[in-house]
C-alpha cells in the first residue's frame, strides 16, 4: 500500500519569475522605522512596497 507524503506547511511556491530573488537588509533607528511605517500606511502600502517605490524613483526605474 503506497503512502503519500504529507503536505508541507506554509504557502505554496510562487510561479517561476514571480518571487523576489534578493533580500536587502538595512538598519534604521526606532524613530526612522516608525516614520517609514507611518508613511507607508498613509500610502496604503506595506513598508517594503513603500521603500521599493522610493528606491525605484531614486534610481530612475
C-alpha atoms as a PDB file:
ATOM      1  CA  UNK A   1       0.000   0.000   0.000  1.00  0.00           C
ATOM      2  CA  UNK A   2       1.722   3.258  -1.148  1.00  0.00           C
ATOM      3  CA  UNK A   3       1.910   6.071   1.353  1.00  0.00           C
ATOM      4  CA  UNK A   4       1.724   9.679   0.262  1.00  0.00           C
ATOM      5  CA  UNK A   5       3.959  12.371   1.703  1.00  0.00           C
ATOM      6  CA  UNK A   6       2.208  14.847   3.976  1.00  0.00           C
ATOM      7  CA  UNK A   7       1.871  18.363   2.590  1.00  0.00           C
ATOM      8  CA  UNK A   8       4.463  20.857   3.773  1.00  0.00           C
ATOM      9  CA  UNK A   9       3.150  23.738   5.900  1.00  0.00           C
ATOM     10  CA  UNK A  10       3.231  27.278   4.550  1.00  0.00           C
ATOM     11  CA  UNK A  11       2.112  28.934   1.375  1.00  0.00           C
ATOM     12  CA  UNK A  12       2.692  27.231  -1.974  1.00  0.00           C
ATOM     13  CA  UNK A  13       5.675  28.319  -4.042  1.00  0.00           C
ATOM     14  CA  UNK A  14       5.109  31.243  -6.401  1.00  0.00           C
ATOM     15  CA  UNK A  15       5.353  30.610 -10.146  1.00  0.00           C
ATOM     16  CA  UNK A  16       8.869  30.949 -11.555  1.00  0.00           C
ATOM     17  CA  UNK A  17       9.794  34.594 -12.067  1.00  0.00           C
ATOM     18  CA  UNK A  18       7.228  35.957  -9.586  1.00  0.00           C
ATOM     19  CA  UNK A  19       9.273  35.591  -6.425  1.00  0.00           C
ATOM     20  CA  UNK A  20      11.690  38.275  -5.269  1.00  0.00           C
ATOM     21  CA  UNK A  21      15.218  36.930  -5.581  1.00  0.00           C
ATOM     22  CA  UNK A  22      17.268  39.061  -3.191  1.00  0.00           C
ATOM     23  CA  UNK A  23      16.758  40.432   0.300  1.00  0.00           C
ATOM     24  CA  UNK A  24      18.489  43.670   1.265  1.00  0.00           C
ATOM     25  CA  UNK A  25      18.743  44.303   4.996  1.00  0.00           C
ATOM     26  CA  UNK A  26      19.124  47.864   6.254  1.00  0.00           C
ATOM     27  CA  UNK A  27      19.406  49.070   9.831  1.00  0.00           C
ATOM     28  CA  UNK A  28      17.265  52.032  10.881  1.00  0.00           C
ATOM     29  CA  UNK A  29      16.606  53.703  14.216  1.00  0.00           C
ATOM     30  CA  UNK A  30      13.318  53.027  16.002  1.00  0.00           C
ATOM     31  CA  UNK A  31      12.167  56.563  15.114  1.00  0.00           C
ATOM     32  CA  UNK A  32      13.022  56.013  11.441  1.00  0.00           C
ATOM     33  CA  UNK A  33      11.109  52.739  11.451  1.00  0.00           C
ATOM     34  CA  UNK A  34       8.008  54.410  12.894  1.00  0.00           C
ATOM     35  CA  UNK A  35       8.247  57.191  10.290  1.00  0.00           C
ATOM     36  CA  UNK A  36       8.598  54.641   7.465  1.00  0.00           C
ATOM     37  CA  UNK A  37       5.635  52.599   8.704  1.00  0.00           C
ATOM     38  CA  UNK A  38       3.502  55.752   9.106  1.00  0.00           C
ATOM     39  CA  UNK A  39       4.351  56.970   5.591  1.00  0.00           C
ATOM     40  CA  UNK A  40       3.681  53.537   4.116  1.00  0.00           C
ATOM     41  CA  UNK A  41       0.335  53.254   5.904  1.00  0.00           C
ATOM     42  CA  UNK A  42      -0.746  56.691   4.672  1.00  0.00           C
ATOM     43  CA  UNK A  43       0.047  55.493   1.124  1.00  0.00           C
ATOM     44  CA  UNK A  44      -1.897  52.228   1.654  1.00  0.00           C
ATOM     45  CA  UNK A  45       1.304  50.240   1.147  1.00  0.00           C
ATOM     46  CA  UNK A  46       3.428  47.916   3.210  1.00  0.00           C
ATOM     47  CA  UNK A  47       6.743  49.304   4.408  1.00  0.00           C
ATOM     48  CA  UNK A  48       8.538  47.137   1.830  1.00  0.00           C
ATOM     49  CA  UNK A  49       6.347  48.368  -1.035  1.00  0.00           C
ATOM     50  CA  UNK A  50       6.813  51.972   0.037  1.00  0.00           C
ATOM     51  CA  UNK A  51      10.594  51.649   0.299  1.00  0.00           C
ATOM     52  CA  UNK A  52      10.842  49.859  -3.074  1.00  0.00           C
ATOM     53  CA  UNK A  53       8.792  52.608  -4.764  1.00  0.00           C
ATOM     54  CA  UNK A  54      11.121  55.285  -3.345  1.00  0.00           C
ATOM     55  CA  UNK A  55      14.203  53.367  -4.428  1.00  0.00           C
ATOM     56  CA  UNK A  56      12.842  52.844  -7.949  1.00  0.00           C
ATOM     57  CA  UNK A  57      12.199  56.584  -8.200  1.00  0.00           C
ATOM     58  CA  UNK A  58      15.681  57.411  -6.892  1.00  0.00           C
ATOM     59  CA  UNK A  59      17.428  55.131  -9.398  1.00  0.00           C
ATOM     60  CA  UNK A  60      15.188  56.183 -12.276  1.00  0.00           C
ATOM     61  CA  UNK A  61      13.244  52.971 -12.916  1.00  0.00           C
END
